[in-house]
Amino acid sequence: MEEQVVINARVANRNYKIKVNSSNEGFVREQLSLIAEKLHSFKLNFPGRDEQDYMAMVLLEYVTTASSKESVPNDTWVEQELLKISNLLDR
């Protein structure tokens, strides 16, 4: 069994602890960085919305982009993690 590491992720002004395989840590951190960049971009382009709106925009952009390209094996995992985060924001 591969060693797991805990990543403290900050997404849409909330902190999340995510356990990932150590071999995927770099990939997950890159994806978190991309999410942060997209959130910032949407905040600049669509001011006055709440965090849930921005997360929904990021998720929709990701899903439509991923479905228009050939998926790589980690896309499914990333989609699941983004959906988990989105569900946590809905609470």
C-alpha atoms as a PDB file:
ATOM      1  CA  MET A   1       0.000   0.000   0.000  1.00  0.00           C
ATOM      2  CA  GLU A   2       1.314   3.376  -0.981  1.00  0.00           C
ATOM      3  CA  GLU A   3       2.037   5.973   1.681  1.00  0.00           C
ATOM      4  CA  GLN A   4      -0.619   8.645   2.051  1.00  0.00           C
ATOM      5  CA  VAL A   5      -0.013  12.261   2.920  1.00  0.00           C
ATOM      6  CA  VAL A   6      -2.426  14.876   4.192  1.00  0.00           C
ATOM      7  CA  ILE A   7      -2.693  18.080   2.212  1.00  0.00           C
ATOM      8  CA  ASN A   8      -4.229  21.176   3.770  1.00  0.00           C
ATOM      9  CA  ALA A   9      -6.147  22.683   0.885  1.00  0.00           C
ATOM     10  CA  ARG A  10      -7.715  26.123   0.915  1.00  0.00           C
ATOM     11  CA  VAL A  11     -10.505  26.404  -1.627  1.00  0.00           C
ATOM     12  CA  ALA A  12     -13.020  29.245  -1.788  1.00  0.00           C
ATOM     13  CA  ASN A  13     -11.943  30.611   1.610  1.00  0.00           C
ATOM     14  CA  ARG A  14     -12.377  27.232   3.315  1.00  0.00           C
ATOM     15  CA  ASN A  15      -9.790  24.774   4.536  1.00  0.00           C
ATOM     16  CA  TYR A  16      -9.939  21.076   3.743  1.00  0.00           C
ATOM     17  CA  LYS A  17      -7.693  18.203   4.713  1.00  0.00           C
ATOM     18  CA  ILE A  18      -7.287  15.794   1.818  1.00  0.00           C
ATOM     19  CA  LYS A  19      -5.521  12.437   2.032  1.00  0.00           C
ATOM     20  CA  VAL A  20      -3.726  11.501  -1.177  1.00  0.00           C
ATOM     21  CA  ASN A  21      -1.151   8.961  -2.223  1.00  0.00           C
ATOM     22  CA  SER A  22       2.295  10.478  -1.973  1.00  0.00           C
ATOM     23  CA  SER A  23       2.833   9.831  -5.692  1.00  0.00           C
ATOM     24  CA  ASN A  24      -0.192  12.062  -6.482  1.00  0.00           C
ATOM     25  CA  GLU A  25       0.696  14.892  -4.109  1.00  0.00           C
ATOM     26  CA  GLY A  26       2.300  17.096  -6.769  1.00  0.00           C
ATOM     27  CA  PHE A  27      -0.600  16.592  -9.152  1.00  0.00           C
ATOM     28  CA  VAL A  28      -3.176  17.444  -6.477  1.00  0.00           C
ATOM     29  CA  ARG A  29      -1.276  20.570  -5.463  1.00  0.00           C
ATOM     30  CA  GLU A  30      -1.139  21.664  -9.121  1.00  0.00           C
ATOM     31  CA  GLN A  31      -4.886  21.143  -9.452  1.00  0.00           C
ATOM     32  CA  LEU A  32      -5.527  23.129  -6.267  1.00  0.00           C
ATOM     33  CA  SER A  33      -3.409  25.923  -7.686  1.00  0.00           C
ATOM     34  CA  LEU A  34      -5.406  25.869 -10.921  1.00  0.00           C
ATOM     35  CA  ILE A  35      -8.653  25.976  -8.956  1.00  0.00           C
ATOM     36  CA  ALA A  36      -7.395  29.005  -6.996  1.00  0.00           C
ATOM     37  CA  GLU A  37      -6.417  30.758 -10.238  1.00  0.00           C
ATOM     38  CA  LYS A  38      -9.825  30.071 -11.801  1.00  0.00           C
ATOM     39  CA  LEU A  39     -11.646  31.263  -8.680  1.00  0.00           C
ATOM     40  CA  HIS A  40      -9.629  34.480  -8.724  1.00  0.00           C
ATOM     41  CA  SER A  41     -10.344  34.961 -12.417  1.00  0.00           C
ATOM     42  CA  PHE A  42     -14.087  34.503 -11.947  1.00  0.00           C
ATOM     43  CA  LYS A  43     -14.077  36.897  -8.976  1.00  0.00           C
ATOM     44  CA  LEU A  44     -12.455  39.573 -11.128  1.00  0.00           C
ATOM     45  CA  ASN A  45     -14.749  38.991 -14.107  1.00  0.00           C
ATOM     46  CA  PHE A  46     -18.014  38.530 -12.180  1.00  0.00           C
ATOM     47  CA  PRO A  47     -17.846  40.656  -9.008  1.00  0.00           C
ATOM     48  CA  GLY A  48     -20.565  40.531  -6.392  1.00  0.00           C
ATOM     49  CA  ARG A  49     -21.255  36.803  -6.428  1.00  0.00           C
ATOM     50  CA  ASP A  50     -20.850  34.458  -3.482  1.00  0.00           C
ATOM     51  CA  GLU A  51     -18.215  31.747  -3.103  1.00  0.00           C
ATOM     52  CA  GLN A  52     -20.628  28.975  -4.050  1.00  0.00           C
ATOM     53  CA  ASP A  53     -21.334  30.700  -7.377  1.00  0.00           C
ATOM     54  CA  TYR A  54     -17.622  30.932  -8.116  1.00  0.00           C
ATOM     55  CA  MET A  55     -17.063  27.266  -7.210  1.00  0.00           C
ATOM     56  CA  ALA A  56     -19.950  26.275  -9.466  1.00  0.00           C
ATOM     57  CA  MET A  57     -18.407  28.263 -12.315  1.00  0.00           C
ATOM     58  CA  VAL A  58     -15.026  26.569 -11.819  1.00  0.00           C
ATOM     59  CA  LEU A  59     -16.637  23.145 -11.661  1.00  0.00           C
ATOM     60  CA  LEU A  60     -18.712  23.740 -14.797  1.00  0.00           C
ATOM     61  CA  GLU A  61     -15.684  24.996 -16.701  1.00  0.00           C
ATOM     62  CA  TYR A  62     -13.628  22.014 -15.613  1.00  0.00           C
ATOM     63  CA  VAL A  63     -16.295  19.460 -16.507  1.00  0.00           C
ATOM     64  CA  THR A  64     -16.988  20.972 -19.911  1.00  0.00           C
ATOM     65  CA  THR A  65     -13.288  21.267 -20.696  1.00  0.00           C
ATOM     66  CA  ALA A  66     -12.569  17.725 -19.532  1.00  0.00           C
ATOM     67  CA  SER A  67     -15.452  16.265 -21.516  1.00  0.00           C
ATOM     68  CA  SER A  68     -14.347  18.065 -24.681  1.00  0.00           C
ATOM     69  CA  LYS A  69     -10.850  16.561 -24.488  1.00  0.00           C
ATOM     70  CA  GLU A  70      -9.751  12.997 -24.153  1.00  0.00           C
ATOM     71  CA  SER A  71      -9.745  12.196 -20.469  1.00  0.00           C
ATOM     72  CA  VAL A  72      -6.623  11.126 -18.672  1.00  0.00           C
ATOM     73  CA  PRO A  73      -6.904   8.495 -15.902  1.00  0.00           C
ATOM     74  CA  ASN A  74      -6.749  11.061 -13.068  1.00  0.00           C
ATOM     75  CA  ASP A  75      -9.624  13.189 -14.433  1.00  0.00           C
ATOM     76  CA  THR A  76     -12.250  11.005 -12.775  1.00  0.00           C
ATOM     77  CA  TRP A  77     -10.535  11.281  -9.421  1.00  0.00           C
ATOM     78  CA  VAL A  78     -10.218  15.055  -9.704  1.00  0.00           C
ATOM     79  CA  GLU A  79     -13.893  15.363 -10.683  1.00  0.00           C
ATOM     80  CA  GLN A  80     -14.896  13.330  -7.638  1.00  0.00           C
ATOM     81  CA  GLU A  81     -12.768  15.485  -5.350  1.00  0.00           C
ATOM     82  CA  LEU A  82     -14.214  18.691  -6.823  1.00  0.00           C
ATOM     83  CA  LEU A  83     -17.729  17.351  -6.352  1.00  0.00           C
ATOM     84  CA  LYS A  84     -16.923  16.536  -2.720  1.00  0.00           C
ATOM     85  CA  ILE A  85     -15.662  20.081  -2.202  1.00  0.00           C
ATOM     86  CA  SER A  86     -18.745  21.484  -3.919  1.00  0.00           C
ATOM     87  CA  ASN A  87     -20.992  19.393  -1.682  1.00  0.00           C
ATOM     88  CA  LEU A  88     -19.163  20.661   1.391  1.00  0.00           C
ATOM     89  CA  LEU A  89     -19.723  24.234   0.221  1.00  0.00           C
ATOM     90  CA  ASP A  90     -23.444  23.516  -0.159  1.00  0.00           C
ATOM     91  CA  ARG A  91     -23.770  22.715   3.555  1.00  0.00           C
END
